[in-house]
Amino acid sequence: MITKIQVARLDDIDRLGSRTVIIEGREVAIFRLSDGSVHAIENRCPHKGGKLSEGMVCGSAVHCPLHDWKINLHSGRVQEPDHGEVTVYETEVDETTGVIYISL
């Protein structure tokens, strides 16, 4: 069963910014890209556990603040030559209210 959880409002996150939430014991980073789209991923780099929410967003990837690994915000995959992946969470933005939901 998929559960939608309200996690933030669109105006809580600047473009190219992020926000961290804890959902059922999981730390999730929510990113707002320059095009206004919202993406949510596990807030832990698979390399050394860096907080991805503290990384720089470039295009549709976030750069881990520890060792600059690039993680695709759509797929959760690490860019080669590095390897690994993080959990990606489906997001939905209510266009009327600006409320952001994450599906678990």
C-alpha atoms as a PDB file:
ATOM      1  CA  MET A   1       0.000   0.000   0.000  1.00  0.00           C
ATOM      2  CA  ILE A   2       1.338   3.421  -0.979  1.00  0.00           C
ATOM      3  CA  THR A   3       1.072   6.149   1.634  1.00  0.00           C
ATOM      4  CA  LYS A   4       1.257   9.845   0.728  1.00  0.00           C
ATOM      5  CA  ILE A   5       2.765  12.017   3.448  1.00  0.00           C
ATOM      6  CA  GLN A   6       2.665  15.812   3.516  1.00  0.00           C
ATOM      7  CA  VAL A   7       6.260  16.973   4.056  1.00  0.00           C
ATOM      8  CA  ALA A   8       6.531  20.679   3.175  1.00  0.00           C
ATOM      9  CA  ARG A   9       5.200  23.548   1.124  1.00  0.00           C
ATOM     10  CA  LEU A  10       6.728  24.589  -2.178  1.00  0.00           C
ATOM     11  CA  ASP A  11       7.590  28.049  -0.865  1.00  0.00           C
ATOM     12  CA  ASP A  12       9.539  26.445   2.037  1.00  0.00           C
ATOM     13  CA  ILE A  13      12.283  25.434  -0.429  1.00  0.00           C
ATOM     14  CA  ASP A  14      14.177  27.932  -2.576  1.00  0.00           C
ATOM     15  CA  ARG A  15      15.002  27.008  -6.175  1.00  0.00           C
ATOM     16  CA  LEU A  16      18.230  24.958  -6.106  1.00  0.00           C
ATOM     17  CA  GLY A  17      17.658  24.508  -2.365  1.00  0.00           C
ATOM     18  CA  SER A  18      16.816  21.587  -0.141  1.00  0.00           C
ATOM     19  CA  ARG A  19      15.065  20.608   3.032  1.00  0.00           C
ATOM     20  CA  THR A  20      15.451  17.556   5.242  1.00  0.00           C
ATOM     21  CA  VAL A  21      12.589  15.632   6.839  1.00  0.00           C
ATOM     22  CA  ILE A  22      12.408  12.472   8.914  1.00  0.00           C
ATOM     23  CA  ILE A  23       9.749  10.014   7.761  1.00  0.00           C
ATOM     24  CA  GLU A  24       9.243   6.778   9.666  1.00  0.00           C
ATOM     25  CA  GLY A  25      12.825   6.953  10.924  1.00  0.00           C
ATOM     26  CA  ARG A  26      14.273   7.665   7.454  1.00  0.00           C
ATOM     27  CA  GLU A  27      16.090  10.914   6.697  1.00  0.00           C
ATOM     28  CA  VAL A  28      14.889  12.236   3.349  1.00  0.00           C
ATOM     29  CA  ALA A  29      16.304  15.200   1.400  1.00  0.00           C
ATOM     30  CA  ILE A  30      13.834  17.191  -0.684  1.00  0.00           C
ATOM     31  CA  PHE A  31      15.270  19.267  -3.537  1.00  0.00           C
ATOM     32  CA  ARG A  32      13.709  21.969  -5.700  1.00  0.00           C
ATOM     33  CA  LEU A  33      15.420  22.256  -9.074  1.00  0.00           C
ATOM     34  CA  SER A  34      15.823  25.392 -11.194  1.00  0.00           C
ATOM     35  CA  ASP A  35      12.838  24.320 -13.326  1.00  0.00           C
ATOM     36  CA  GLY A  36      10.688  24.232 -10.170  1.00  0.00           C
ATOM     37  CA  SER A  37      10.379  20.436 -10.034  1.00  0.00           C
ATOM     38  CA  VAL A  38      10.674  18.720  -6.662  1.00  0.00           C
ATOM     39  CA  HIS A  39      12.611  15.510  -5.990  1.00  0.00           C
ATOM     40  CA  ALA A  40      13.181  13.482  -2.836  1.00  0.00           C
ATOM     41  CA  ILE A  41      15.983  11.016  -2.118  1.00  0.00           C
ATOM     42  CA  GLU A  42      17.591   9.256   0.795  1.00  0.00           C
ATOM     43  CA  ASN A  43      19.788  11.843   2.558  1.00  0.00           C
ATOM     44  CA  ARG A  44      22.903   9.678   2.667  1.00  0.00           C
ATOM     45  CA  CYS A  45      25.607   9.276   0.032  1.00  0.00           C
ATOM     46  CA  PRO A  46      26.369   5.592  -0.591  1.00  0.00           C
ATOM     47  CA  HIS A  47      30.117   6.332  -0.473  1.00  0.00           C
ATOM     48  CA  LYS A  48      30.821   7.702   3.009  1.00  0.00           C
ATOM     49  CA  GLY A  49      27.373   8.741   4.246  1.00  0.00           C
ATOM     50  CA  GLY A  50      27.592  12.459   3.428  1.00  0.00           C
ATOM     51  CA  LYS A  51      24.409  14.482   3.912  1.00  0.00           C
ATOM     52  CA  LEU A  52      23.188  15.026   0.345  1.00  0.00           C
ATOM     53  CA  SER A  53      20.916  17.855   1.504  1.00  0.00           C
ATOM     54  CA  GLU A  54      24.121  19.846   2.147  1.00  0.00           C
ATOM     55  CA  GLY A  55      25.393  19.258  -1.386  1.00  0.00           C
ATOM     56  CA  MET A  56      25.223  21.543  -4.399  1.00  0.00           C
ATOM     57  CA  VAL A  57      22.507  20.952  -6.986  1.00  0.00           C
ATOM     58  CA  CYS A  58      23.655  21.175 -10.593  1.00  0.00           C
ATOM     59  CA  GLY A  59      21.113  20.354 -13.286  1.00  0.00           C
ATOM     60  CA  SER A  60      19.317  17.213 -12.126  1.00  0.00           C
ATOM     61  CA  ALA A  61      22.124  15.960  -9.872  1.00  0.00           C
ATOM     62  CA  VAL A  62      23.303  16.703  -6.370  1.00  0.00           C
ATOM     63  CA  HIS A  63      27.011  16.668  -5.535  1.00  0.00           C
ATOM     64  CA  CYS A  64      27.873  15.014  -2.226  1.00  0.00           C
ATOM     65  CA  PRO A  65      29.566  17.599   0.014  1.00  0.00           C
ATOM     66  CA  LEU A  66      32.221  15.114   1.208  1.00  0.00           C
ATOM     67  CA  HIS A  67      33.812  13.742  -1.964  1.00  0.00           C
ATOM     68  CA  ASP A  68      31.827  15.315  -4.831  1.00  0.00           C
ATOM     69  CA  TRP A  69      30.056  12.130  -5.917  1.00  0.00           C
ATOM     70  CA  LYS A  70      27.220  13.091  -8.275  1.00  0.00           C
ATOM     71  CA  ILE A  71      23.837  11.499  -7.631  1.00  0.00           C
ATOM     72  CA  ASN A  72      21.027  11.758 -10.182  1.00  0.00           C
ATOM     73  CA  LEU A  73      17.899  13.080  -8.475  1.00  0.00           C
ATOM     74  CA  HIS A  74      15.596  11.242 -10.902  1.00  0.00           C
ATOM     75  CA  SER A  75      17.105   7.754 -10.649  1.00  0.00           C
ATOM     76  CA  GLY A  76      19.174   7.875  -7.446  1.00  0.00           C
ATOM     77  CA  ARG A  77      22.165   6.447  -9.328  1.00  0.00           C
ATOM     78  CA  VAL A  78      25.700   7.649  -8.819  1.00  0.00           C
ATOM     79  CA  GLN A  79      27.448   9.007 -11.911  1.00  0.00           C
ATOM     80  CA  GLU A  80      30.317   6.920 -13.281  1.00  0.00           C
ATOM     81  CA  PRO A  81      33.153   6.232 -12.684  1.00  0.00           C
ATOM     82  CA  ASP A  82      31.746   5.971  -9.139  1.00  0.00           C
ATOM     83  CA  HIS A  83      28.958   3.515  -8.415  1.00  0.00           C
ATOM     84  CA  GLY A  84      26.048   3.025  -6.070  1.00  0.00           C
ATOM     85  CA  GLU A  85      22.578   4.398  -5.615  1.00  0.00           C
ATOM     86  CA  VAL A  86      20.213   5.894  -3.088  1.00  0.00           C
ATOM     87  CA  THR A  87      16.492   5.440  -2.577  1.00  0.00           C
ATOM     88  CA  VAL A  88      14.308   7.821  -4.602  1.00  0.00           C
ATOM     89  CA  TYR A  89      10.869   8.811  -3.306  1.00  0.00           C
ATOM     90  CA  GLU A  90       8.009   9.803  -5.564  1.00  0.00           C
ATOM     91  CA  THR A  91       6.916  13.396  -4.989  1.00  0.00           C
ATOM     92  CA  GLU A  92       3.722  15.232  -5.791  1.00  0.00           C
ATOM     93  CA  VAL A  93       3.004  18.953  -5.524  1.00  0.00           C
ATOM     94  CA  ASP A  94      -0.571  20.139  -5.137  1.00  0.00           C
ATOM     95  CA  GLU A  95      -0.625  23.040  -7.613  1.00  0.00           C
ATOM     96  CA  THR A  96      -3.487  24.748  -5.767  1.00  0.00           C
ATOM     97  CA  THR A  97      -2.027  24.733  -2.255  1.00  0.00           C
ATOM     98  CA  GLY A  98       1.710  24.249  -2.935  1.00  0.00           C
ATOM     99  CA  VAL A  99       1.813  21.312  -0.539  1.00  0.00           C
ATOM    100  CA  ILE A 100       4.510  18.709  -1.255  1.00  0.00           C
ATOM    101  CA  TYR A 101       3.763  15.031  -0.686  1.00  0.00           C
ATOM    102  CA  ILE A 102       6.123  12.048  -0.670  1.00  0.00           C
ATOM    103  CA  SER A 103       4.854   8.548  -1.423  1.00  0.00           C
ATOM    104  CA  LEU A 104       6.144   5.620   0.625  1.00  0.00           C
END
